[in-house]
Each structure stands twice: as structure tokens, then as C-alpha cells.
C-alpha atoms as a PDB file:
ATOM      1  CA  UNK A   1      19.155  -6.863  46.447  1.00  0.00           C
ATOM      2  CA  UNK A   2      21.729 -10.022  47.356  1.00  0.00           C
ATOM      3  CA  UNK A   3      25.633  -9.770  47.920  1.00  0.00           C
ATOM      4  CA  UNK A   4      25.878 -12.603  45.523  1.00  0.00           C
ATOM      5  CA  UNK A   5      23.813 -10.096  42.634  1.00  0.00           C
ATOM      6  CA  UNK A   6      25.970  -6.735  44.159  1.00  0.00           C
ATOM      7  CA  UNK A   7      29.128  -8.953  43.180  1.00  0.00           C
ATOM      8  CA  UNK A   8      28.478 -10.203  39.519  1.00  0.00           C
ATOM      9  CA  UNK A   9      26.557  -5.721  39.208  1.00  0.00           C
ATOM     10  CA  UNK A  10      30.609  -5.484  40.542  1.00  0.00           C
ATOM     11  CA  UNK A  11      32.221  -8.048  37.343  1.00  0.00           C
ATOM     12  CA  UNK A  12      32.346 -10.720  39.284  1.00  0.00           C
ATOM     13  CA  UNK A  13      31.180 -14.747  39.159  1.00  0.00           C
ATOM     14  CA  UNK A  14      30.221 -16.922  41.936  1.00  0.00           C
ATOM     15  CA  UNK A  15      33.340 -19.960  41.089  1.00  0.00           C
ATOM     16  CA  UNK A  16      36.812 -20.470  43.792  1.00  0.00           C
ATOM     17  CA  UNK A  17      38.462 -18.200  40.489  1.00  0.00           C
ATOM     18  CA  UNK A  18      36.106 -15.647  40.116  1.00  0.00           C
ATOM     19  CA  UNK A  19      36.141 -14.975  43.991  1.00  0.00           C
ATOM     20  CA  UNK A  20      39.520 -14.893  44.574  1.00  0.00           C
ATOM     21  CA  UNK A  21      39.887 -12.738  41.549  1.00  0.00           C
ATOM     22  CA  UNK A  22      37.214 -10.603  43.756  1.00  0.00           C
ATOM     23  CA  UNK A  23      39.598 -11.215  46.416  1.00  0.00           C
ATOM     24  CA  UNK A  24      42.789  -9.764  45.180  1.00  0.00           C
ATOM     25  CA  UNK A  25      41.138  -7.095  44.064  1.00  0.00           C
ATOM     26  CA  UNK A  26      39.121  -5.813  46.925  1.00  0.00           C
ATOM     27  CA  UNK A  27      42.749  -6.365  48.588  1.00  0.00           C
ATOM     28  CA  UNK A  28      44.801  -3.864  45.962  1.00  0.00           C
ATOM     29  CA  UNK A  29      42.669  -1.330  47.851  1.00  0.00           C
ATOM     30  CA  UNK A  30      45.113  -1.312  50.916  1.00  0.00           C
ATOM     31  CA  UNK A  31      47.943  -0.351  51.592  1.00  0.00           C
ATOM     32  CA  UNK A  32      47.959  -4.188  53.666  1.00  0.00           C
ATOM     33  CA  UNK A  33      46.419  -7.061  52.651  1.00  0.00           C
ATOM     34  CA  UNK A  34      42.846  -7.811  55.043  1.00  0.00           C
ATOM     35  CA  UNK A  35      40.985  -9.989  52.337  1.00  0.00           C
ATOM     36  CA  UNK A  36      42.741 -13.813  52.242  1.00  0.00           C
ATOM     37  CA  UNK A  37      42.192 -15.452  49.528  1.00  0.00           C
ATOM     38  CA  UNK A  38      39.965 -18.381  49.735  1.00  0.00           C
ATOM     39  CA  UNK A  39      37.347 -18.481  46.301  1.00  0.00           C
ATOM     40  CA  UNK A  40      34.614 -19.315  48.797  1.00  0.00           C
ATOM     41  CA  UNK A  41      31.957 -16.400  49.842  1.00  0.00           C
ATOM     42  CA  UNK A  42      32.712 -16.086  53.240  1.00  0.00           C
ATOM     43  CA  UNK A  43      31.495 -13.751  55.749  1.00  0.00           C
ATOM     44  CA  UNK A  44      34.603 -11.804  55.682  1.00  0.00           C
ATOM     45  CA  UNK A  45      34.025 -11.328  51.441  1.00  0.00           C
ATOM     46  CA  UNK A  46      30.544 -10.917  51.759  1.00  0.00           C
ATOM     47  CA  UNK A  47      31.481  -8.290  54.170  1.00  0.00           C
ATOM     48  CA  UNK A  48      33.829  -6.753  51.084  1.00  0.00           C
ATOM     49  CA  UNK A  49      31.071  -6.976  48.900  1.00  0.00           C
ATOM     50  CA  UNK A  50      28.677  -4.701  50.716  1.00  0.00           C
ATOM     51  CA  UNK A  51      31.499  -1.480  50.744  1.00  0.00           C
ATOM     52  CA  UNK A  52      32.867  -1.645  47.991  1.00  0.00           C
ATOM     53  CA  UNK A  53      29.352  -2.056  45.836  1.00  0.00           C
ATOM     54  CA  UNK A  54      28.167   0.715  47.746  1.00  0.00           C
ATOM     55  CA  UNK A  55      31.718   3.160  46.328  1.00  0.00           C
ATOM     56  CA  UNK A  56      31.331   0.950  43.068  1.00  0.00           C
ATOM     57  CA  UNK A  57      32.505   3.768  40.692  1.00  0.00           C
ATOM     58  CA  UNK A  58      36.104   4.396  42.656  1.00  0.00           C
ATOM     59  CA  UNK A  59      36.420   0.805  43.047  1.00  0.00           C
ATOM     60  CA  UNK A  60      36.731  -0.197  39.652  1.00  0.00           C
ATOM     61  CA  UNK A  61      38.248   2.754  38.291  1.00  0.00           C
ATOM     62  CA  UNK A  62      40.767   1.528  40.540  1.00  0.00           C
ATOM     63  CA  UNK A  63      40.331  -1.627  40.112  1.00  0.00           C
ATOM     64  CA  UNK A  64      40.711  -0.689  36.075  1.00  0.00           C
ATOM     65  CA  UNK A  65      43.725   1.390  37.040  1.00  0.00           C
ATOM     66  CA  UNK A  66      42.057   4.968  36.357  1.00  0.00           C
ATOM     67  CA  UNK A  67      41.517   6.078  39.876  1.00  0.00           C
END
């Protein structure tokens, strides 16, 4: 499965706006901002998608305010 497909499985699109939304949500997981809000599918964003796809159930709970 490609990283972009994983991003879509996490509930995000691949447009610049959707990538910024993913980057913003990803940064909510830590006490400090980890991922620049670029709106680009760059290497740090791809790495974040890979990490969160592995922990997607927990991420969705936190993102949606249920965790």
C-alpha cells in the first residue's frame, strides 16, 4: 500500500489543504510541533503518515477527541 493510500485510509485527501489538515492533526499528538505545515507531500510528511498508519486506531481516537 502506498503512503498516499495510507493517508487516504486515515481519512485525508492529498490536496495541499488536506495535507495541512493532516500535518496539523499530527502535531496535536505531541507537546511541541513536530511537522511543518507546508501543504506538501514531502519526506517528513510521508514518514509521519507511515508512523500514524501503524497506530491509526489510537490516532483517530485522539484526533476526534475520544482518547
